[in-house]
Amino acid sequence: MNICHVNLATGFSGGERQTLVLIKEQIKLGYILTVVAHPNSPFFEKVKKLNCRVFAVKHFLLGHRSIITEDCIVMHVHEGRAIYWAYIQKLLFKKPYIITRRIDNPLKNKALSLRAYEAASAITGVSNKVVEVVKQRHPKAHAVFIPDSPARYTSNPIEVKKIREQFEGKFLVIKAAKMYKHKGFDIAIEAAKLLNEINDDIQLALLGDGPEFEALKAQAAGASNVYFMGNQKEIGNWFEAANLLIHTSHTEGMGSVILEAMAAGLPVVGSKAGGIPDVITHDESGLLFEIADAKELSAHIQSIYHSKELRDRLIDGATQRLNIFEIATTAQAYQSLYQQFEK
């Protein structure tokens, strides 16, 4: 099966990690793959090392050639700018495309966005919430739920030891994301402040950077249990060293970092935003709290801190829950979708 994946992101966040996970699995399955990517991105460098054709494209208006997609049965698009590239490629060379949407924001009511989504042969949402959002603007769209899958990371024992020594004797809670407003770092800090008043054993490490960094630093002033660790490329070390991951988003397509933490054996606490409840079944595979409720979040953190039985039960439940998200399962779902385009 010959597929063309398109991702023009310049950074390397959850969507790019997920695209890479799918590509690696499809190579294992014997697919013939073409990848269109931004040449200045980490994603481009990573796919160049894999057994697939790679084309460099810097802008969705550029790089349109029939040779890129002529042997592919369908284009599979993974982020916003790539949608427009695939739309133009379809107009020029009649090649169909499907979209994977990973955010639960309302779709833009701009002409190009409307046309690009309407021209897609299918739209997959990584959560039921994302599918619902798509259906609100495109009620006739062929929209289906296919979740993301956990990426798994290695860890370096020396680096893990350094982290554990820094937080020696403490219960280490981590939050890992780009520092945008909707990611809810403010709620994590408020919960940490509440905890700091009653339990100095619980420490919060914030992993990431972004436009909200300075505002969050100001918010955390005086909170001795909050640490800004910056962007961490080797996230596996933190999964190994930590005791708990929290995901505090105000809006969220799915939250692939939750899956990654679960796969690493960490208990998880998440807000009820977007697709997070598709991943976390409350009190079985993790704990859920109401969006923006720092008090409830702090209570959940304390519950996990105080109860090894609860931690073990949630970790066991997460292991069972992961079965439906594993890449072998999601790759099969995509294959069923692709087969509709085979002649």
Protein backbone atom coordinates (compact mmCIF):
# COMPACT_ATOMS: atom_id res chain seq x y z
CA MET A 1 0.00 0.00 0.00
CA ASN A 2 1.41 3.37 -1.07
CA ILE A 3 0.56 6.39 1.12
CA CYS A 4 1.77 10.00 1.10
CA HIS A 5 1.98 11.59 4.57
CA VAL A 6 2.04 15.40 4.74
CA ASN A 7 3.16 17.40 7.81
CA LEU A 8 4.55 20.90 7.30
CA ALA A 9 5.04 21.84 10.97
CA THR A 10 8.35 23.53 11.77
CA GLY A 11 8.43 22.26 15.37
CA PHE A 12 8.19 18.80 16.85
CA SER A 13 5.29 18.39 19.24
CA GLY A 14 2.57 15.80 19.84
CA GLY A 15 1.24 15.78 16.29
CA GLU A 16 4.67 15.22 14.77
CA ARG A 17 5.49 12.48 17.28
CA GLN A 18 2.23 10.77 16.42
CA THR A 19 2.85 11.06 12.68
CA LEU A 20 6.26 9.49 13.19
CA VAL A 21 4.84 6.64 15.29
CA LEU A 22 2.35 5.82 12.51
CA ILE A 23 4.97 6.04 9.76
CA LYS A 24 7.33 3.67 11.59
CA GLU A 25 4.53 1.15 12.11
CA GLN A 26 3.49 1.32 8.46
CA ILE A 27 7.07 0.75 7.33
CA LYS A 28 7.12 -2.36 9.54
CA LEU A 29 3.91 -3.46 7.84
CA GLY A 30 5.50 -3.15 4.38
CA TYR A 31 3.90 0.09 3.19
CA ILE A 32 5.56 2.18 0.49
CA LEU A 33 5.61 5.68 1.97
CA THR A 34 6.17 9.18 0.70
CA VAL A 35 6.53 12.02 3.21
CA VAL A 36 6.18 15.75 2.54
CA ALA A 37 7.73 17.81 5.35
CA HIS A 38 9.25 21.19 6.16
CA PRO A 39 13.04 20.96 5.61
CA ASN A 40 13.83 23.00 8.73
CA SER A 41 11.88 20.77 11.08
CA PRO A 42 13.09 18.00 13.40
CA PHE A 43 10.36 15.85 11.85
CA PHE A 44 12.02 16.16 8.42
CA GLU A 45 15.38 15.06 9.87
CA LYS A 46 13.81 12.05 11.55
CA VAL A 47 11.89 10.79 8.51
CA LYS A 48 14.98 11.18 6.31
CA LYS A 49 16.51 8.33 8.33
CA LEU A 50 13.60 6.00 7.57
CA ASN A 51 12.86 3.82 4.58
CA CYS A 52 10.62 6.25 2.69
CA ARG A 53 10.77 8.96 0.01
CA VAL A 54 10.96 12.45 1.52
CA PHE A 55 10.17 15.76 -0.21
CA ALA A 56 11.04 19.12 1.31
CA VAL A 57 8.30 21.77 1.18
CA LYS A 58 8.55 25.10 3.04
CA HIS A 59 5.07 26.50 2.34
CA PHE A 60 1.73 25.05 1.31
CA LEU A 61 1.85 27.04 -1.93
CA LEU A 62 5.16 25.45 -2.93
CA GLY A 63 6.47 22.11 -4.14
CA HIS A 64 3.46 20.87 -6.06
CA ARG A 65 4.55 18.17 -8.50
CA SER A 66 2.70 15.18 -9.86
CA ILE A 67 5.67 12.89 -9.20
CA ILE A 68 5.22 13.27 -5.43
CA THR A 69 1.79 11.65 -5.29
CA GLU A 70 1.27 9.91 -8.63
CA ASP A 71 1.93 6.41 -7.22
CA CYS A 72 0.12 7.01 -3.92
CA ILE A 73 -3.46 5.93 -3.41
CA VAL A 74 -4.18 8.75 -0.97
CA MET A 75 -2.54 11.63 0.90
CA HIS A 76 -2.75 11.55 4.70
CA VAL A 77 -2.57 15.04 6.20
CA HIS A 78 -1.52 15.68 9.80
CA GLU A 79 -1.61 19.45 10.51
CA GLY A 80 -3.13 22.72 9.40
CA ARG A 81 -0.77 23.99 6.70
CA ALA A 82 -0.51 20.50 5.26
CA ILE A 83 -4.27 20.50 4.68
CA TYR A 84 -3.90 23.42 2.29
CA TRP A 85 -0.96 21.77 0.52
CA ALA A 86 -3.01 18.60 -0.02
CA TYR A 87 -6.01 20.64 -1.20
CA ILE A 88 -3.92 22.35 -3.88
CA GLN A 89 -2.27 19.05 -4.83
CA LYS A 90 -5.72 17.54 -5.29
CA LEU A 91 -6.87 20.45 -7.45
CA LEU A 92 -3.81 20.06 -9.65
CA PHE A 93 -3.49 16.27 -9.87
CA LYS A 94 -6.83 14.81 -8.67
CA LYS A 95 -5.27 12.90 -5.76
CA PRO A 96 -7.63 12.35 -2.77
CA TYR A 97 -6.64 13.13 0.80
CA ILE A 98 -7.75 12.43 4.34
CA ILE A 99 -7.19 14.68 7.34
CA THR A 100 -6.24 13.70 10.88
CA ARG A 101 -7.33 16.48 13.22
CA ARG A 102 -5.81 16.56 16.71
CA ILE A 103 -7.27 19.70 18.29
CA ASP A 104 -10.76 20.35 19.58
CA ASN A 105 -10.89 24.07 18.69
CA PRO A 106 -13.82 25.20 16.53
CA LEU A 107 -12.85 25.14 12.86
CA LYS A 108 -12.11 28.50 11.25
CA ASN A 109 -14.87 29.91 9.08
CA LYS A 110 -12.43 31.12 6.44
CA ALA A 111 -12.97 30.35 2.78
CA LEU A 112 -9.78 28.34 2.28
CA SER A 113 -10.36 26.27 5.42
CA LEU A 114 -13.95 25.55 4.44
CA ARG A 115 -12.96 24.45 0.95
CA ALA A 116 -10.02 22.34 2.14
CA TYR A 117 -12.12 20.42 4.65
CA GLU A 118 -15.00 19.99 2.21
CA ALA A 119 -12.60 18.57 -0.39
CA ALA A 120 -11.23 15.94 2.03
CA SER A 121 -12.44 12.39 1.37
CA ALA A 122 -12.43 11.60 5.10
CA ILE A 123 -11.58 13.32 8.39
CA THR A 124 -10.37 11.41 11.42
CA GLY A 125 -10.51 12.90 14.89
CA VAL A 126 -8.22 11.64 17.65
CA SER A 127 -11.08 11.90 20.13
CA ASN A 128 -14.87 11.88 20.08
CA LYS A 129 -14.77 15.59 20.95
CA VAL A 130 -12.71 16.37 17.85
CA VAL A 131 -15.13 14.41 15.66
CA GLU A 132 -18.01 16.36 17.23
CA VAL A 133 -16.29 19.67 16.42
CA VAL A 134 -15.76 18.61 12.79
CA LYS A 135 -19.39 17.54 12.47
CA GLN A 136 -20.58 20.89 13.78
CA ARG A 137 -19.15 22.67 10.74
CA HIS A 138 -19.27 19.80 8.25
CA PRO A 139 -22.29 17.65 9.17
CA LYS A 140 -22.03 15.63 5.96
CA ALA A 141 -18.32 14.86 6.33
CA HIS A 142 -17.10 11.28 6.59
CA ALA A 143 -15.67 11.84 10.08
CA VAL A 144 -14.45 8.94 12.22
CA PHE A 145 -12.72 8.48 15.56
CA ILE A 146 -9.22 7.02 15.36
CA PRO A 147 -7.13 7.81 18.47
CA ASP A 148 -3.46 8.56 18.73
CA SER A 149 -1.06 5.92 20.07
CA PRO A 150 1.58 6.10 22.78
CA ALA A 151 5.13 6.83 21.77
CA ARG A 152 7.60 5.02 24.00
CA TYR A 153 10.87 6.53 25.17
CA THR A 154 14.13 5.22 26.48
CA SER A 155 15.76 6.63 29.60
CA ASN A 156 19.35 7.21 30.65
CA PRO A 157 20.03 5.88 34.17
CA ILE A 158 22.61 8.60 34.83
CA GLU A 159 20.18 11.38 33.87
CA VAL A 160 17.34 9.75 35.81
CA LYS A 161 19.59 9.62 38.87
CA LYS A 162 20.35 13.35 38.51
CA ILE A 163 16.64 14.19 38.45
CA ARG A 164 15.94 11.98 41.45
CA GLU A 165 18.82 13.56 43.37
CA GLN A 166 17.45 17.03 42.63
CA PHE A 167 14.08 16.01 44.09
CA GLU A 168 15.42 13.56 46.65
CA GLY A 169 12.85 12.50 49.21
CA LYS A 170 10.09 14.35 47.36
CA PHE A 171 7.00 13.21 45.49
CA LEU A 172 7.68 14.50 41.97
CA VAL A 173 4.72 15.64 39.87
CA ILE A 174 5.40 16.63 36.26
CA LYS A 175 3.46 18.53 33.62
CA ALA A 176 4.84 18.46 30.07
CA ALA A 177 3.50 20.63 27.25
CA LYS A 178 4.11 23.75 25.21
CA MET A 179 3.35 26.75 27.41
CA TYR A 180 0.19 28.02 25.72
CA LYS A 181 -2.76 29.41 27.67
CA HIS A 182 -5.05 26.52 26.80
CA LYS A 183 -2.60 23.99 28.26
CA GLY A 184 -3.59 25.03 31.78
CA PHE A 185 -0.19 25.57 33.38
CA ASP A 186 -1.89 28.25 35.48
CA ILE A 187 -4.12 25.60 37.07
CA ALA A 188 -1.12 23.37 37.79
CA ILE A 189 0.61 26.27 39.57
CA GLU A 190 -2.50 27.15 41.58
CA ALA A 191 -2.80 23.52 42.70
CA ALA A 192 0.88 23.52 43.66
CA LYS A 193 0.37 26.64 45.77
CA LEU A 194 -2.49 24.96 47.61
CA LEU A 195 -0.34 21.89 48.22
CA ASN A 196 2.62 23.97 49.37
CA GLU A 197 0.58 25.19 52.33
CA ILE A 198 0.01 21.66 53.66
CA ASN A 199 2.65 19.33 52.23
CA ASP A 200 6.16 20.35 51.19
CA ASP A 201 6.95 16.80 50.08
CA ILE A 202 5.01 17.31 46.83
CA GLN A 203 7.05 19.10 44.16
CA LEU A 204 5.89 20.22 40.68
CA ALA A 205 8.26 20.28 37.71
CA LEU A 206 6.98 22.13 34.64
CA LEU A 207 8.54 20.79 31.44
CA GLY A 208 8.28 23.04 28.41
CA ASP A 209 8.58 26.57 27.13
CA GLY A 210 6.43 28.90 25.12
CA PRO A 211 4.68 32.27 25.03
CA GLU A 212 3.25 32.00 28.56
CA PHE A 213 6.59 31.31 30.23
CA GLU A 214 7.17 34.75 31.78
CA ALA A 215 3.57 35.12 32.95
CA LEU A 216 3.71 31.69 34.57
CA LYS A 217 7.00 32.50 36.28
CA ALA A 218 5.37 35.58 37.76
CA GLN A 219 2.34 33.56 38.87
CA ALA A 220 4.59 31.00 40.59
CA ALA A 221 6.63 33.62 42.48
CA GLY A 222 6.91 32.56 46.11
CA ALA A 223 5.86 28.94 45.45
CA SER A 224 8.92 26.99 46.62
CA ASN A 225 7.54 23.71 45.25
CA VAL A 226 7.31 24.81 41.60
CA TYR A 227 10.26 24.34 39.24
CA PHE A 228 10.57 25.52 35.64
CA MET A 229 12.74 22.97 33.87
CA GLY A 230 12.48 24.27 30.30
CA ASN A 231 11.99 22.18 27.19
CA GLN A 232 13.09 18.58 27.71
CA LYS A 233 14.07 16.58 24.63
CA GLU A 234 14.67 13.38 26.62
CA ILE A 235 11.22 13.11 28.19
CA GLY A 236 11.77 9.43 28.96
CA ASN A 237 14.14 10.39 31.78
CA TRP A 238 11.39 12.40 33.45
CA PHE A 239 8.79 9.66 33.02
CA GLU A 240 11.22 7.29 34.76
CA ALA A 241 12.08 9.70 37.58
CA ALA A 242 8.62 11.13 38.36
CA ASN A 243 5.82 9.83 40.56
CA LEU A 244 2.85 11.36 38.74
CA LEU A 245 1.92 13.20 35.53
CA ILE A 246 -0.82 15.83 35.47
CA HIS A 247 -2.45 17.24 32.32
CA THR A 248 -4.42 20.36 33.15
CA SER A 249 -5.63 21.68 29.79
CA HIS A 250 -8.61 24.01 29.37
CA THR A 251 -9.11 22.54 25.87
CA GLU A 252 -7.46 19.43 24.44
CA GLY A 253 -7.84 17.23 21.39
CA MET A 254 -6.63 14.14 23.19
CA GLY A 255 -3.40 14.66 25.11
CA SER A 256 -0.93 12.14 23.72
CA VAL A 257 1.48 12.84 26.58
CA ILE A 258 -1.05 11.13 28.85
CA LEU A 259 -0.76 7.96 26.78
CA GLU A 260 3.03 8.23 26.85
CA ALA A 261 3.08 8.57 30.64
CA MET A 262 0.68 5.64 31.03
CA ALA A 263 2.90 3.52 28.79
CA ALA A 264 5.87 4.47 30.99
CA GLY A 265 4.06 3.25 34.11
CA LEU A 266 3.15 6.63 35.60
CA PRO A 267 -0.23 7.30 37.22
CA VAL A 268 -2.02 10.23 35.54
CA VAL A 269 -4.46 12.97 36.50
CA GLY A 270 -6.19 14.94 33.76
CA SER A 271 -8.86 17.58 33.31
CA LYS A 272 -12.16 16.72 31.70
CA ALA A 273 -11.26 18.83 28.66
CA GLY A 274 -11.84 17.64 25.10
CA GLY A 275 -10.71 14.09 24.46
CA ILE A 276 -8.95 13.48 27.78
CA PRO A 277 -11.93 11.45 29.13
CA ASP A 278 -11.53 9.18 26.09
CA VAL A 279 -8.12 8.24 27.49
CA ILE A 280 -8.68 8.37 31.25
CA THR A 281 -11.50 6.38 32.79
CA HIS A 282 -11.92 8.02 36.20
CA ASP A 283 -10.73 5.96 39.14
CA GLU A 284 -9.75 3.11 36.81
CA SER A 285 -6.94 4.26 34.50
CA GLY A 286 -6.36 7.65 36.13
CA LEU A 287 -8.21 10.46 37.85
CA LEU A 288 -10.22 13.27 36.24
CA PHE A 289 -10.99 16.73 37.61
CA GLU A 290 -13.27 19.53 36.45
CA ILE A 291 -11.66 21.97 34.04
CA ALA A 292 -9.81 24.81 35.86
CA ASP A 293 -10.58 23.38 39.32
CA ALA A 294 -7.21 23.67 41.07
CA LYS A 295 -8.70 22.59 44.40
CA GLU A 296 -9.97 19.29 43.01
CA LEU A 297 -6.66 18.74 41.21
CA SER A 298 -4.71 19.28 44.43
CA ALA A 299 -6.99 16.82 46.23
CA HIS A 300 -6.36 14.16 43.56
CA ILE A 301 -2.61 14.69 43.82
CA GLN A 302 -2.80 14.25 47.58
CA SER A 303 -4.87 11.08 47.20
CA ILE A 304 -2.25 9.51 44.96
CA TYR A 305 0.57 10.73 47.19
CA HIS A 306 -0.99 9.15 50.29
CA SER A 307 -2.13 5.83 48.78
CA LYS A 308 0.25 3.35 47.18
CA GLU A 309 -2.76 1.08 46.68
CA LEU A 310 -4.47 3.77 44.58
CA ARG A 311 -1.29 4.40 42.57
CA ASP A 312 -0.84 0.71 41.82
CA ARG A 313 -4.49 0.28 40.88
CA LEU A 314 -4.41 3.23 38.48
CA ILE A 315 -1.19 2.01 36.87
CA ASP A 316 -2.67 -1.45 36.37
CA GLY A 317 -5.86 0.06 34.96
CA ALA A 318 -3.86 2.25 32.58
CA THR A 319 -1.98 -0.79 31.28
CA GLN A 320 -5.30 -2.42 30.39
CA ARG A 321 -6.72 0.79 28.94
CA LEU A 322 -3.74 1.23 26.62
CA ASN A 323 -4.69 -1.84 24.60
CA ILE A 324 -7.19 0.09 22.49
CA PHE A 325 -4.66 2.84 21.75
CA GLU A 326 -1.68 0.73 20.71
CA ILE A 327 -0.25 1.53 17.29
CA ALA A 328 -1.07 -1.95 15.92
CA THR A 329 -4.74 -1.20 16.56
CA THR A 330 -4.80 2.35 15.22
CA ALA A 331 -2.70 1.44 12.16
CA GLN A 332 -5.28 -1.21 11.30
CA ALA A 333 -8.05 1.38 11.58
CA TYR A 334 -6.18 3.65 9.16
CA GLN A 335 -5.57 0.75 6.81
CA SER A 336 -9.31 0.08 6.65
CA LEU A 337 -9.80 3.72 5.73
CA TYR A 338 -7.05 3.68 3.09
CA GLN A 339 -8.49 0.58 1.44
CA GLN A 340 -11.50 2.61 0.35
CA PHE A 341 -9.19 4.36 -2.14
CA GLU A 342 -7.71 1.27 -3.74
CA LYS A 343 -8.90 0.68 -7.28
